[in-house]
Every structure is written in C-alpha cells, then in structure tokens.
Amino acid sequence: MASERGAPVAAHADDALIPGAYITDEAMQAVLERQCHRCAGCNAPLSAESTHFDLRQPVIRGGPHTLGNFEALCPFCHRNHMRRIREQFAGMTGHRNK
C-alpha cells in the first residue's frame, strides 16, 4: 500500500518501519502494552529499570526494523537472547574460515 505521495504505508502498525537505530519511547510503550508488561521470554513482570528491548530477528540476519519485530525482555532472557545471536554469528564466521 502507498500513501498519496507514493511512500509505502504499513497495513498494520506492527509492520511500520522504525527509522534510525534506536527505538522510540512510543514504540517501547507499544511493545510493553502488546506484551502486557511481561517478558517475551519467561513471562516475568517487567519494570522500567530492568526492561531490555531487542529485535527478535536481528536486521543483519534479515529481520525488519519494525515494531512487530521488537520484543521486551527481562535481563536474564536478554542475556540468553544475545548469547544465542553471538553463537549464531560465531558459527557463521567459523564456517567461512574452513
């Protein structure tokens, strides 16, 4: 779908591209509300000081920088998520060097 000026328009709010490298306060609030202020990994309640926002599928791995690809995680789940991503990248780079 396109706007009157021909710019692409998302059919659903979660499909809208988030410009720039950072998530906005409005996007953070939308993600928290979508998840009922609970961790996407373990369902623990999230507090303002302990919430981490990350992309489910990183852009570098083909994930879109959209609201629907963001998730809110507790510190423990975020650490595990980042570990898995690092392991995936280590496997990719290790495979190239063989």
Protein backbone atom coordinates (compact mmCIF):
# COMPACT_ATOMS: atom_id res chain seq x y z
CA MET A 1 0.00 0.00 0.00
CA ALA A 2 1.20 3.56 -0.69
CA SER A 3 0.31 7.00 0.61
CA GLU A 4 -0.89 9.84 -1.63
CA ARG A 5 2.76 10.78 -2.19
CA GLY A 6 3.74 7.23 -3.17
CA ALA A 7 5.57 6.42 0.09
CA PRO A 8 4.98 2.91 1.41
CA VAL A 9 2.44 2.69 4.23
CA ALA A 10 2.23 -0.27 6.59
CA ALA A 11 -1.02 -2.21 6.51
CA HIS A 12 -0.67 -2.88 10.25
CA ALA A 13 1.02 -0.79 12.96
CA ASP A 14 3.46 -3.62 13.75
CA ASP A 15 4.65 -3.57 10.12
CA ALA A 16 5.66 0.12 10.20
CA LEU A 17 9.39 0.68 9.82
CA ILE A 18 11.07 2.36 12.76
CA PRO A 19 13.54 4.91 11.36
CA GLY A 20 17.03 5.18 12.78
CA ALA A 21 18.96 2.83 15.01
CA TYR A 22 17.01 3.37 18.22
CA ILE A 23 13.52 2.51 19.43
CA THR A 24 11.38 5.49 20.44
CA ASP A 25 9.62 5.90 23.78
CA GLU A 26 6.29 5.50 21.97
CA ALA A 27 7.46 2.24 20.37
CA MET A 28 8.73 0.95 23.73
CA GLN A 29 5.36 1.66 25.30
CA ALA A 30 3.55 -0.08 22.41
CA VAL A 31 5.74 -3.19 22.79
CA LEU A 32 5.18 -3.27 26.56
CA GLU A 33 1.44 -2.91 26.12
CA ARG A 34 1.37 -5.63 23.44
CA GLN A 35 3.17 -7.94 25.88
CA CYS A 36 1.06 -6.84 28.89
CA HIS A 37 4.29 -5.59 30.57
CA ARG A 38 5.65 -9.16 30.68
CA CYS A 39 8.92 -10.64 29.38
CA ALA A 40 8.61 -12.22 25.92
CA GLY A 41 10.96 -15.00 27.06
CA CYS A 42 9.80 -16.08 30.50
CA ASN A 43 6.59 -14.06 31.08
CA ALA A 44 8.04 -12.37 34.21
CA PRO A 45 6.65 -8.90 35.02
CA LEU A 46 8.82 -6.12 33.58
CA SER A 47 9.78 -2.92 35.38
CA ALA A 48 11.03 0.29 33.80
CA GLU A 49 14.57 -0.09 35.16
CA SER A 50 15.02 -3.72 34.13
CA THR A 51 13.47 -3.94 30.66
CA HIS A 52 15.61 -4.61 27.59
CA PHE A 53 14.25 -4.05 24.08
CA ASP A 54 15.66 -6.06 21.24
CA LEU A 55 14.81 -7.35 17.80
CA ARG A 56 13.55 -10.93 17.70
CA GLN A 57 15.35 -11.42 14.39
CA PRO A 58 18.31 -9.02 14.01
CA VAL A 59 18.36 -6.81 10.92
CA ILE A 60 21.74 -8.26 9.97
CA ARG A 61 20.05 -11.69 9.85
CA GLY A 62 17.21 -10.41 7.65
CA GLY A 63 14.82 -9.20 10.34
CA PRO A 64 12.89 -6.00 9.73
CA HIS A 65 13.37 -2.91 11.90
CA THR A 66 9.64 -2.80 12.64
CA LEU A 67 7.56 -2.58 15.77
CA GLY A 68 6.39 -6.17 15.26
CA ASN A 69 9.96 -7.46 15.35
CA PHE A 70 10.76 -5.78 18.68
CA GLU A 71 10.30 -7.54 21.98
CA ALA A 72 10.74 -6.59 25.62
CA LEU A 73 12.84 -8.93 27.73
CA CYS A 74 13.96 -9.26 31.34
CA PRO A 75 17.75 -9.06 31.92
CA PHE A 76 18.11 -12.87 32.12
CA CYS A 77 16.23 -13.56 28.87
CA HIS A 78 18.01 -10.69 27.10
CA ARG A 79 21.38 -12.14 28.10
CA ASN A 80 20.33 -15.55 26.73
CA HIS A 81 18.98 -13.98 23.54
CA MET A 82 22.27 -12.15 22.95
CA ARG A 83 24.27 -15.31 23.70
CA ARG A 84 22.30 -17.25 21.07
CA ILE A 85 22.86 -14.49 18.50
CA ARG A 86 26.60 -14.41 19.26
CA GLU A 87 26.74 -18.20 18.88
CA GLN A 88 24.95 -17.96 15.52
CA PHE A 89 27.43 -15.36 14.30
CA ALA A 90 30.39 -17.34 15.62
CA GLY A 91 29.11 -20.35 13.70
CA MET A 92 28.75 -18.28 10.54
CA THR A 93 32.25 -16.81 10.76
CA GLY A 94 33.75 -20.15 11.78
CA HIS A 95 32.15 -21.77 8.75
CA ARG A 96 33.69 -19.19 6.39
CA ASN A 97 37.19 -19.78 7.74
CA LYS A 98 37.17 -23.50 6.98
